[in-house]
Protein backbone atom coordinates (compact mmCIF):
# COMPACT_ATOMS: atom_id res chain seq x y z
CA MET A 1 21.17 3.05 -14.28
CA THR A 2 23.41 2.23 -17.20
CA GLU A 3 22.33 2.38 -20.83
CA ALA A 4 22.64 -1.42 -21.06
CA GLU A 5 20.21 -1.77 -18.14
CA PHE A 6 17.85 0.93 -19.39
CA LEU A 7 17.31 -0.03 -23.04
CA PRO A 8 15.70 -3.48 -22.41
CA LEU A 9 13.28 -1.89 -19.93
CA PHE A 10 12.46 0.90 -22.37
CA ASP A 11 11.77 -1.59 -25.18
CA ARG A 12 9.67 -3.77 -22.89
CA TYR A 13 7.52 -1.17 -21.17
CA ARG A 14 7.33 1.83 -23.51
CA SER A 15 4.02 0.68 -25.02
CA MET A 16 2.51 0.17 -21.58
CA VAL A 17 3.59 3.59 -20.31
CA TYR A 18 2.47 5.38 -23.48
CA GLY A 19 -0.90 3.62 -23.57
CA LEU A 20 -1.57 4.33 -19.90
CA ALA A 21 -0.62 7.99 -20.35
CA LEU A 22 -2.86 8.24 -23.42
CA SER A 23 -5.82 6.82 -21.49
CA TYR A 24 -5.44 9.70 -19.01
CA THR A 25 -4.39 12.61 -21.20
CA ARG A 26 -6.29 11.68 -24.38
CA SER A 27 -3.54 13.48 -26.24
CA PRO A 28 -0.84 11.63 -28.20
CA GLN A 29 1.55 14.56 -27.73
CA ASP A 30 0.94 14.79 -23.96
CA ALA A 31 1.23 11.01 -23.68
CA GLU A 32 4.56 11.13 -25.49
CA ASP A 33 5.78 13.88 -23.17
CA VAL A 34 4.72 11.88 -20.13
CA CYS A 35 6.44 8.81 -21.54
CA GLN A 36 9.71 10.68 -21.95
CA SER A 37 9.53 12.15 -18.44
CA VAL A 38 8.76 8.79 -16.85
CA PHE A 39 11.64 7.01 -18.53
CA LEU A 40 14.00 9.87 -17.71
CA LYS A 41 13.03 9.42 -14.07
CA LEU A 42 13.59 5.67 -14.43
CA MET A 43 17.12 6.27 -15.63
CA GLU A 44 17.87 8.78 -12.89
CA ALA A 45 16.21 7.00 -9.94
CA PRO A 46 15.39 3.37 -10.81
CA PRO A 47 13.32 1.17 -8.47
CA ALA A 48 14.43 -2.15 -7.03
CA GLN A 49 15.09 -4.84 -9.63
CA GLY A 50 11.94 -6.76 -10.52
CA LYS A 51 9.65 -3.88 -9.47
CA GLU A 52 9.99 -1.89 -12.68
CA ARG A 53 6.53 -2.55 -14.17
CA ALA A 54 4.55 -1.55 -11.07
CA TRP A 55 6.86 1.44 -10.48
CA LEU A 56 6.49 2.68 -14.05
CA ALA A 57 2.70 2.35 -13.92
CA GLN A 58 2.46 4.29 -10.64
CA VAL A 59 4.85 7.03 -11.76
CA THR A 60 2.92 7.37 -15.03
CA VAL A 61 -0.42 7.73 -13.23
CA ASN A 62 1.02 10.28 -10.79
CA HIS A 63 2.59 12.29 -13.62
CA CYS A 64 -0.68 12.31 -15.58
CA ARG A 65 -2.67 13.41 -12.53
CA ASN A 66 -0.26 16.26 -11.91
CA LEU A 67 -0.47 17.24 -15.56
CA LEU A 68 -4.27 17.22 -15.54
CA THR A 69 -4.40 19.20 -12.30
CA ALA A 70 -2.11 21.84 -13.76
CA ALA A 71 -4.28 22.01 -16.86
CA ALA A 72 -7.56 22.34 -14.94
CA VAL A 73 -7.55 26.12 -15.34
CA ALA A 74 -7.77 25.64 -19.11
CA VAL A 75 -10.84 23.39 -19.05
CA ILE A 76 -13.20 26.05 -20.41
CA LEU A 77 -10.82 26.83 -23.24
CA THR A 78 -10.49 23.12 -24.00
CA ILE A 79 -14.25 22.67 -24.16
CA GLY A 80 -14.50 25.68 -26.44
CA ALA A 81 -11.83 24.27 -28.74
CA LEU A 82 -13.63 20.91 -28.93
CA ALA A 83 -16.91 22.61 -29.74
CA ALA A 84 -15.25 24.68 -32.44
CA SER A 85 -13.79 21.54 -33.99
CA GLY A 86 -17.19 19.84 -33.96
CA ILE A 87 -16.15 17.15 -31.46
CA LEU A 88 -18.98 16.57 -28.98
CA SER A 89 -17.40 13.77 -26.96
CA CYS A 90 -14.28 11.64 -26.92
CA THR A 91 -13.93 8.41 -24.95
CA THR A 92 -10.68 6.52 -24.48
CA TYR A 93 -10.64 2.73 -24.20
CA LEU A 94 -8.37 0.92 -21.76
CA THR A 95 -7.02 -0.88 -24.82
CA GLY A 96 -5.81 2.47 -26.22
CA GLY A 97 -8.40 3.26 -28.89
CA GLN A 98 -10.84 6.17 -28.93
CA ALA A 99 -14.53 6.68 -29.71
CA THR A 100 -15.40 10.15 -31.00
CA VAL A 101 -18.80 11.75 -31.63
CA ARG A 102 -18.57 14.65 -34.08
CA ASP A 103 -21.10 17.17 -35.36
CA GLY A 104 -20.91 17.07 -39.14
CA ASN A 105 -22.63 20.48 -39.46
CA ASP A 106 -24.99 18.84 -41.94
CA GLY A 107 -27.72 17.81 -39.51
CA TYR A 108 -26.03 14.47 -38.72
CA LEU A 109 -23.80 13.21 -35.93
CA TYR A 110 -20.84 11.01 -36.89
CA PHE A 111 -19.47 8.27 -34.65
CA GLU A 112 -15.90 7.11 -35.19
CA ILE A 113 -13.84 4.42 -33.46
CA THR A 114 -10.08 4.40 -33.90
CA GLY A 115 -7.56 1.87 -32.69
CA PRO A 116 -4.62 2.72 -30.45
CA SER A 117 -2.04 5.09 -31.91
CA ASP A 118 0.59 2.59 -30.80
CA PRO A 119 -0.33 -0.74 -32.47
CA ASP A 120 1.93 -2.66 -30.08
CA PHE A 121 0.14 -1.41 -26.97
CA SER A 122 -1.94 -3.86 -24.95
CA PRO A 123 -3.09 -3.71 -21.31
CA VAL A 124 -2.36 -7.46 -21.13
CA GLU A 125 1.13 -8.89 -20.82
CA VAL A 126 2.45 -12.42 -20.32
CA ARG A 127 5.49 -12.28 -18.07
CA ASP A 128 7.34 -14.92 -16.08
CA GLY A 129 4.65 -17.49 -16.79
CA LYS A 130 1.84 -15.24 -15.54
CA VAL A 131 -0.74 -13.06 -17.30
CA TRP A 132 -1.05 -9.45 -16.10
CA LEU A 133 -3.74 -6.85 -16.82
CA THR A 134 -2.87 -3.19 -16.24
CA THR A 135 -5.97 -1.28 -15.11
CA GLU A 136 -6.97 2.34 -15.76
CA ASN A 137 -5.27 3.27 -12.47
CA GLY A 138 -2.02 1.57 -13.36
CA GLN A 139 -2.60 -1.41 -11.07
CA ALA A 140 -1.23 -4.72 -12.35
CA LEU A 141 -3.71 -7.56 -11.81
CA ASP A 142 -2.59 -11.18 -11.97
CA ILE A 143 -5.33 -12.85 -14.06
CA THR A 144 -3.47 -16.11 -14.61
CA GLY A 145 -5.88 -19.04 -14.85
CA GLN A 146 -8.94 -16.77 -14.77
CA PHE A 147 -9.79 -17.02 -18.48
CA SER A 148 -9.97 -19.77 -21.08
CA GLU A 149 -11.06 -20.49 -24.64
CA THR A 150 -14.67 -20.77 -23.44
CA GLU A 151 -14.86 -18.16 -20.67
CA ALA A 152 -13.48 -14.62 -20.53
CA TYR A 153 -12.02 -12.75 -17.61
CA VAL A 154 -14.03 -9.52 -17.26
CA TYR A 155 -12.66 -6.39 -15.61
CA THR A 156 -15.21 -3.60 -15.08
CA TYR A 157 -14.70 0.07 -14.27
CA THR A 158 -16.58 3.37 -14.72
CA ASP A 159 -14.80 6.30 -16.37
CA GLU A 160 -15.10 10.03 -15.72
CA ASN A 161 -17.97 10.26 -18.24
CA ASP A 162 -19.96 7.64 -16.29
CA LEU A 163 -19.50 5.09 -19.07
CA ILE A 164 -19.12 1.51 -17.84
CA HIS A 165 -16.22 -0.43 -19.37
CA ASP A 166 -16.21 -4.22 -19.55
CA VAL A 167 -12.70 -5.33 -20.52
CA LEU A 168 -12.61 -8.95 -21.67
CA VAL A 169 -9.58 -11.20 -21.91
CA GLY A 170 -10.06 -14.66 -23.38
CA GLY A 171 -8.19 -17.51 -25.02
CA THR A 172 -4.94 -19.03 -23.82
CA PRO A 173 -1.68 -17.42 -22.62
CA ASP A 174 -0.24 -18.30 -26.03
CA ASN A 175 -3.20 -17.02 -28.06
CA TYR A 176 -5.35 -14.46 -26.25
CA SER A 177 -7.02 -11.19 -27.15
CA CYS A 178 -8.96 -8.31 -25.59
CA PHE A 179 -12.37 -6.82 -26.27
CA GLU A 180 -13.81 -3.77 -24.56
CA PHE A 181 -17.55 -3.10 -24.36
CA LEU A 182 -18.81 0.32 -23.24
CA TYR A 183 -22.25 0.83 -21.70
CA HIS A 184 -24.32 3.78 -20.56
CA GLN A 185 -25.67 3.85 -17.02
CA ASP A 186 -29.08 2.67 -18.29
CA GLY A 187 -27.46 -0.52 -19.61
CA SER A 188 -27.57 0.39 -23.29
CA MET A 189 -24.39 -0.33 -25.22
CA ASP A 190 -22.30 2.60 -26.39
CA SER A 191 -19.55 0.95 -28.43
CA VAL A 192 -17.13 -1.96 -28.65
CA LEU A 193 -13.51 -2.31 -29.70
CA GLY A 194 -11.27 -5.36 -29.80
CA THR A 195 -8.97 -7.67 -31.71
CA TYR A 196 -9.49 -11.32 -32.51
CA PRO A 197 -6.98 -13.99 -31.50
CA ASP A 198 -5.17 -15.89 -34.23
CA GLY A 199 -7.52 -18.17 -36.15
CA TYR A 200 -10.66 -16.10 -35.56
CA ASP A 201 -12.44 -13.20 -37.24
CA GLY A 202 -15.76 -11.39 -37.39
CA PHE A 203 -17.51 -14.40 -38.91
CA HIS A 204 -15.84 -16.96 -36.65
CA GLU A 205 -15.73 -15.56 -33.14
CA PRO A 206 -14.11 -17.35 -30.19
CA ALA A 207 -16.39 -19.19 -27.76
CA TRP A 208 -15.55 -16.88 -24.84
CA LEU A 209 -16.70 -13.82 -26.81
CA ILE A 210 -19.89 -15.53 -27.99
CA ALA A 211 -20.67 -16.55 -24.39
CA TYR A 212 -20.28 -12.96 -23.19
CA ARG A 213 -22.47 -11.59 -25.98
CA GLN A 214 -25.18 -14.13 -25.16
CA GLU A 215 -24.99 -13.33 -21.45
CA GLN A 216 -25.42 -9.62 -22.16
CA GLY A 217 -28.14 -10.14 -24.76
CA ILE A 218 -25.95 -8.80 -27.56
CA PRO A 219 -26.61 -10.36 -30.99
CA VAL A 220 -23.98 -12.93 -31.91
CA VAL A 221 -22.38 -12.67 -35.34
CA GLU A 222 -23.43 -15.63 -37.42
CA ALA A 223 -20.84 -17.72 -39.19
CA GLU A 224 -20.29 -16.74 -42.80
CA SER A 225 -21.41 -20.19 -43.94
CA GLU A 226 -24.74 -19.59 -42.20
CA MET A 227 -25.15 -16.08 -43.59
CA VAL A 228 -24.65 -16.95 -47.23
CA GLN A 229 -26.70 -19.87 -48.45
CA PRO A 230 -26.09 -21.38 -51.89
CA ALA A 231 -28.80 -20.68 -54.44
CA GLU A 232 -31.11 -23.61 -55.16
CA GLU A 233 -30.74 -25.15 -58.57
CA THR A 234 -33.72 -24.81 -60.85
CA SER A 235 -34.51 -27.12 -63.66
């Protein structure tokens, strides 16, 4: 593969490969290493034209699995290092962010949610007039026409910690966004992470997100105009 052929593919798919690798390795450094190895392989042995996205996703997953298998002998050491740092658990979202529970050594537990280390990463991509969702296994799902401004597409999977992930995609192909809700096996909610589409915010949520919250029995954020009422005039 020539440099002229490689660079557009690198620019287009780097965020996808890095985000997928991060979801497996949970390490920005390991994810970066995987990313470099995958794209080196792309340059040396490229797939058939038009198959690059699926090929990159599969190669990334395989590389991560090999990496994790090789690192299995160090699991006890890893757990010990996490305990020493005060980190009790760390969960990675499909959308690239992380939820961390940390022991503050002051009698309290601290819960922190961080966004993806790569702000351009998204598991959703509009390509050739279709909308694709890349799953935790690297599979590309065609979700074209399966979501709207009033109803979300919901992809569900269970991670290695037995947390249930509901990944929502809603809006239009020109103005969509993702939210990810995590639940425990008993149905209680663990956490949520997402971004609003253009024109919406925490006080003005899109109809598809409100509909999902109502269906799950999750309190809906009231509009700011309803939360703050003007003071009554007194004579």
